[in-house]
Amino acid sequence: MSTLTKAEIIDAVYDKTDRTRGEARKYVESLISIMKTAIVRDHALLISGFGKFEAYAKKARKGRNPATDKPITLEARKVVVFRLSKKFRDELN
């Protein structure tokens, strides 16, 4: 199993359109930029038939360093989760 990369997405857009490779790169970069902006601004991005990206804040919590077994505090941070749409989940299964 391999991971689909941004370069492979650009190649796929290039192959399926009559645009140049440079234009395909701009389109993919623009789409990714729009998606990032939506998640930062609205904390969510819904793509019907695909799924939903949601950002939320995790609180600081206690943890431990596995190498030394000493307790540490993990800082508060924001994370993004992805949830498949029911339609896509059904197609997958």
N, C-alpha and C. Protein backbone atom coordinates (compact mmCIF):
# COMPACT_ATOMS: atom_id res chain seq x y z
N MET A 1 0.85 -1.18 0.00
CA MET A 1 0.00 0.00 0.00
C MET A 1 0.89 1.24 0.00
N SER A 2 0.62 2.17 -0.90
CA SER A 2 1.40 3.40 -0.94
C SER A 2 0.50 4.60 -0.66
N THR A 3 1.12 5.70 -0.36
CA THR A 3 0.41 6.93 -0.04
C THR A 3 0.35 7.81 -1.28
N LEU A 4 -0.80 8.37 -1.54
CA LEU A 4 -0.97 9.30 -2.65
C LEU A 4 -0.34 10.63 -2.25
N THR A 5 0.58 11.13 -3.05
CA THR A 5 1.26 12.37 -2.73
C THR A 5 0.66 13.54 -3.50
N LYS A 6 1.03 14.76 -3.07
CA LYS A 6 0.56 15.95 -3.76
C LYS A 6 1.04 15.95 -5.21
N ALA A 7 2.27 15.50 -5.44
CA ALA A 7 2.80 15.44 -6.81
C ALA A 7 1.96 14.50 -7.67
N GLU A 8 1.52 13.39 -7.11
CA GLU A 8 0.68 12.44 -7.87
C GLU A 8 -0.70 13.04 -8.15
N ILE A 9 -1.22 13.83 -7.22
CA ILE A 9 -2.50 14.51 -7.45
C ILE A 9 -2.33 15.51 -8.60
N ILE A 10 -1.24 16.25 -8.58
CA ILE A 10 -0.98 17.21 -9.66
C ILE A 10 -0.88 16.49 -11.00
N ASP A 11 -0.18 15.35 -11.02
CA ASP A 11 -0.07 14.57 -12.25
C ASP A 11 -1.43 14.09 -12.73
N ALA A 12 -2.29 13.67 -11.80
CA ALA A 12 -3.63 13.20 -12.17
C ALA A 12 -4.47 14.34 -12.76
N VAL A 13 -4.39 15.52 -12.15
CA VAL A 13 -5.11 16.67 -12.69
C VAL A 13 -4.58 17.02 -14.08
N TYR A 14 -3.27 16.99 -14.24
CA TYR A 14 -2.64 17.26 -15.54
C TYR A 14 -3.12 16.26 -16.59
N ASP A 15 -3.15 14.97 -16.23
CA ASP A 15 -3.55 13.92 -17.17
C ASP A 15 -5.02 14.01 -17.57
N LYS A 16 -5.88 14.49 -16.65
CA LYS A 16 -7.32 14.49 -16.91
C LYS A 16 -7.83 15.81 -17.47
N THR A 17 -6.95 16.79 -17.65
CA THR A 17 -7.38 18.07 -18.19
C THR A 17 -6.49 18.45 -19.37
N ASP A 18 -6.85 19.53 -20.02
CA ASP A 18 -6.02 20.02 -21.12
C ASP A 18 -5.12 21.17 -20.66
N ARG A 19 -4.85 21.24 -19.37
CA ARG A 19 -4.01 22.28 -18.79
C ARG A 19 -2.55 21.86 -18.76
N THR A 20 -1.67 22.84 -18.60
CA THR A 20 -0.25 22.53 -18.47
C THR A 20 0.03 22.01 -17.06
N ARG A 21 1.18 21.40 -16.90
CA ARG A 21 1.55 20.88 -15.57
C ARG A 21 1.63 22.03 -14.55
N GLY A 22 2.12 23.19 -14.98
CA GLY A 22 2.20 24.36 -14.10
C GLY A 22 0.83 24.83 -13.65
N GLU A 23 -0.13 24.84 -14.59
CA GLU A 23 -1.50 25.23 -14.24
C GLU A 23 -2.12 24.20 -13.30
N ALA A 24 -1.88 22.93 -13.54
CA ALA A 24 -2.40 21.88 -12.65
C ALA A 24 -1.85 22.06 -11.25
N ARG A 25 -0.56 22.39 -11.15
CA ARG A 25 0.06 22.63 -9.84
C ARG A 25 -0.62 23.81 -9.13
N LYS A 26 -0.87 24.90 -9.88
CA LYS A 26 -1.54 26.07 -9.30
C LYS A 26 -2.93 25.72 -8.78
N TYR A 27 -3.69 24.92 -9.55
CA TYR A 27 -5.04 24.53 -9.14
C TYR A 27 -5.01 23.71 -7.85
N VAL A 28 -4.12 22.75 -7.79
CA VAL A 28 -4.03 21.90 -6.60
C VAL A 28 -3.58 22.73 -5.40
N GLU A 29 -2.58 23.57 -5.58
CA GLU A 29 -2.10 24.44 -4.50
C GLU A 29 -3.21 25.37 -4.03
N SER A 30 -4.00 25.92 -4.97
CA SER A 30 -5.11 26.81 -4.62
C SER A 30 -6.17 26.06 -3.82
N LEU A 31 -6.49 24.85 -4.24
CA LEU A 31 -7.48 24.06 -3.53
C LEU A 31 -7.02 23.76 -2.10
N ILE A 32 -5.77 23.37 -1.95
CA ILE A 32 -5.24 23.08 -0.61
C ILE A 32 -5.26 24.35 0.25
N SER A 33 -4.92 25.48 -0.33
CA SER A 33 -4.95 26.75 0.39
C SER A 33 -6.37 27.09 0.85
N ILE A 34 -7.34 26.90 -0.02
CA ILE A 34 -8.74 27.16 0.32
C ILE A 34 -9.18 26.24 1.46
N MET A 35 -8.79 24.98 1.40
CA MET A 35 -9.16 24.02 2.44
C MET A 35 -8.54 24.41 3.79
N LYS A 36 -7.25 24.79 3.78
CA LYS A 36 -6.58 25.20 5.01
C LYS A 36 -7.26 26.43 5.61
N THR A 37 -7.56 27.41 4.77
CA THR A 37 -8.20 28.64 5.23
C THR A 37 -9.55 28.34 5.86
N ALA A 38 -10.33 27.46 5.24
CA ALA A 38 -11.64 27.12 5.77
C ALA A 38 -11.53 26.45 7.14
N ILE A 39 -10.57 25.56 7.29
CA ILE A 39 -10.41 24.86 8.57
C ILE A 39 -9.95 25.84 9.65
N VAL A 40 -9.03 26.74 9.32
CA VAL A 40 -8.56 27.72 10.30
C VAL A 40 -9.69 28.68 10.68
N ARG A 41 -10.44 29.16 9.70
CA ARG A 41 -11.49 30.16 9.93
C ARG A 41 -12.72 29.55 10.60
N ASP A 42 -13.21 28.45 10.06
CA ASP A 42 -14.49 27.89 10.51
C ASP A 42 -14.33 26.67 11.41
N HIS A 43 -13.13 26.18 11.57
CA HIS A 43 -12.83 24.97 12.35
C HIS A 43 -13.48 23.73 11.74
N ALA A 44 -13.94 23.82 10.50
CA ALA A 44 -14.53 22.66 9.85
C ALA A 44 -14.55 22.86 8.34
N LEU A 45 -14.50 21.74 7.63
CA LEU A 45 -14.59 21.74 6.18
C LEU A 45 -15.38 20.50 5.78
N LEU A 46 -16.53 20.70 5.16
CA LEU A 46 -17.38 19.59 4.74
C LEU A 46 -17.32 19.45 3.23
N ILE A 47 -16.99 18.24 2.78
CA ILE A 47 -17.01 17.92 1.36
C ILE A 47 -18.06 16.82 1.19
N SER A 48 -19.21 17.19 0.67
CA SER A 48 -20.33 16.24 0.55
C SER A 48 -19.91 15.00 -0.22
N GLY A 49 -20.30 13.86 0.29
CA GLY A 49 -19.98 12.59 -0.35
C GLY A 49 -18.58 12.11 -0.06
N PHE A 50 -17.79 12.89 0.69
CA PHE A 50 -16.42 12.50 1.01
C PHE A 50 -16.22 12.46 2.53
N GLY A 51 -16.40 13.60 3.19
CA GLY A 51 -16.23 13.62 4.63
C GLY A 51 -16.09 15.02 5.17
N LYS A 52 -15.76 15.09 6.46
CA LYS A 52 -15.67 16.36 7.15
C LYS A 52 -14.36 16.44 7.93
N PHE A 53 -13.64 17.53 7.74
CA PHE A 53 -12.45 17.84 8.52
C PHE A 53 -12.89 18.78 9.64
N GLU A 54 -12.52 18.48 10.87
CA GLU A 54 -12.87 19.33 11.99
C GLU A 54 -11.63 19.61 12.83
N ALA A 55 -11.46 20.88 13.22
CA ALA A 55 -10.35 21.27 14.09
C ALA A 55 -10.91 21.52 15.48
N TYR A 56 -10.18 21.06 16.47
CA TYR A 56 -10.57 21.36 17.84
C TYR A 56 -9.34 21.46 18.72
N ALA A 57 -9.52 22.12 19.88
CA ALA A 57 -8.41 22.33 20.80
C ALA A 57 -8.37 21.18 21.81
N LYS A 58 -7.18 20.65 22.01
CA LYS A 58 -6.96 19.66 23.06
C LYS A 58 -6.35 20.38 24.26
N LYS A 59 -6.80 20.04 25.44
CA LYS A 59 -6.27 20.65 26.65
C LYS A 59 -4.90 20.08 26.96
N ALA A 60 -4.15 20.82 27.79
CA ALA A 60 -2.88 20.30 28.28
C ALA A 60 -3.18 19.07 29.15
N ARG A 61 -2.28 18.12 29.12
CA ARG A 61 -2.51 16.91 29.90
C ARG A 61 -1.20 16.31 30.37
N LYS A 62 -1.32 15.43 31.34
CA LYS A 62 -0.14 14.76 31.86
C LYS A 62 0.22 13.58 30.97
N GLY A 63 1.50 13.34 30.84
CA GLY A 63 1.99 12.22 30.06
C GLY A 63 3.29 11.74 30.68
N ARG A 64 4.00 10.90 29.96
CA ARG A 64 5.30 10.46 30.47
C ARG A 64 6.24 10.25 29.30
N ASN A 65 7.52 10.46 29.56
CA ASN A 65 8.55 10.23 28.57
C ASN A 65 8.81 8.72 28.56
N PRO A 66 8.53 8.04 27.45
CA PRO A 66 8.69 6.59 27.44
C PRO A 66 10.15 6.14 27.60
N ALA A 67 11.10 6.99 27.24
CA ALA A 67 12.51 6.60 27.36
C ALA A 67 12.98 6.64 28.81
N THR A 68 12.51 7.66 29.55
CA THR A 68 12.98 7.81 30.93
C THR A 68 11.92 7.47 31.96
N ASP A 69 10.68 7.33 31.51
CA ASP A 69 9.53 7.05 32.38
C ASP A 69 9.22 8.21 33.33
N LYS A 70 9.77 9.40 33.04
CA LYS A 70 9.50 10.57 33.88
C LYS A 70 8.21 11.24 33.42
N PRO A 71 7.44 11.76 34.38
CA PRO A 71 6.20 12.46 34.00
C PRO A 71 6.51 13.79 33.31
N ILE A 72 5.70 14.13 32.32
CA ILE A 72 5.83 15.40 31.61
C ILE A 72 4.43 15.96 31.39
N THR A 73 4.37 17.23 31.05
CA THR A 73 3.09 17.86 30.71
C THR A 73 3.07 18.10 29.21
N LEU A 74 2.07 17.54 28.56
CA LEU A 74 1.88 17.76 27.13
C LEU A 74 1.09 19.05 26.97
N GLU A 75 1.60 19.97 26.18
CA GLU A 75 0.98 21.29 26.02
C GLU A 75 -0.36 21.21 25.29
N ALA A 76 -1.17 22.22 25.51
CA ALA A 76 -2.42 22.34 24.77
C ALA A 76 -2.09 22.54 23.30
N ARG A 77 -2.93 21.99 22.42
CA ARG A 77 -2.68 22.11 21.00
C ARG A 77 -3.97 21.94 20.23
N LYS A 78 -3.92 22.31 18.98
CA LYS A 78 -5.07 22.11 18.10
C LYS A 78 -4.80 20.91 17.21
N VAL A 79 -5.84 20.14 16.96
CA VAL A 79 -5.72 18.97 16.10
C VAL A 79 -6.85 18.98 15.08
N VAL A 80 -6.63 18.30 13.97
CA VAL A 80 -7.66 18.17 12.94
C VAL A 80 -7.99 16.69 12.80
N VAL A 81 -9.27 16.38 12.81
CA VAL A 81 -9.72 15.00 12.61
C VAL A 81 -10.54 14.95 11.32
N PHE A 82 -10.60 13.78 10.73
CA PHE A 82 -11.38 13.57 9.51
C PHE A 82 -12.39 12.47 9.77
N ARG A 83 -13.63 12.73 9.40
CA ARG A 83 -14.69 11.74 9.53
C ARG A 83 -15.29 11.48 8.15
N LEU A 84 -15.29 10.21 7.76
CA LEU A 84 -15.86 9.84 6.47
C LEU A 84 -17.36 10.11 6.42
N SER A 85 -17.86 10.46 5.25
CA SER A 85 -19.31 10.56 5.09
C SER A 85 -19.88 9.15 5.04
N LYS A 86 -21.14 9.03 5.37
CA LYS A 86 -21.78 7.70 5.34
C LYS A 86 -21.72 7.12 3.94
N LYS A 87 -21.95 7.95 2.93
CA LYS A 87 -21.94 7.50 1.55
C LYS A 87 -20.58 6.92 1.18
N PHE A 88 -19.50 7.61 1.53
CA PHE A 88 -18.16 7.14 1.21
C PHE A 88 -17.82 5.90 2.03
N ARG A 89 -18.22 5.87 3.29
CA ARG A 89 -17.98 4.70 4.13
C ARG A 89 -18.65 3.48 3.54
N ASP A 90 -19.87 3.64 3.04
CA ASP A 90 -20.59 2.52 2.42
C ASP A 90 -19.86 2.05 1.15
N GLU A 91 -19.34 2.98 0.37
CA GLU A 91 -18.58 2.62 -0.84
C GLU A 91 -17.31 1.88 -0.48
N LEU A 92 -16.68 2.30 0.60
CA LEU A 92 -15.43 1.69 1.05
C LEU A 92 -15.65 0.26 1.51
N ASN A 93 -16.75 0.03 2.17
CA ASN A 93 -17.05 -1.30 2.69
C ASN A 93 -17.84 -2.08 1.66
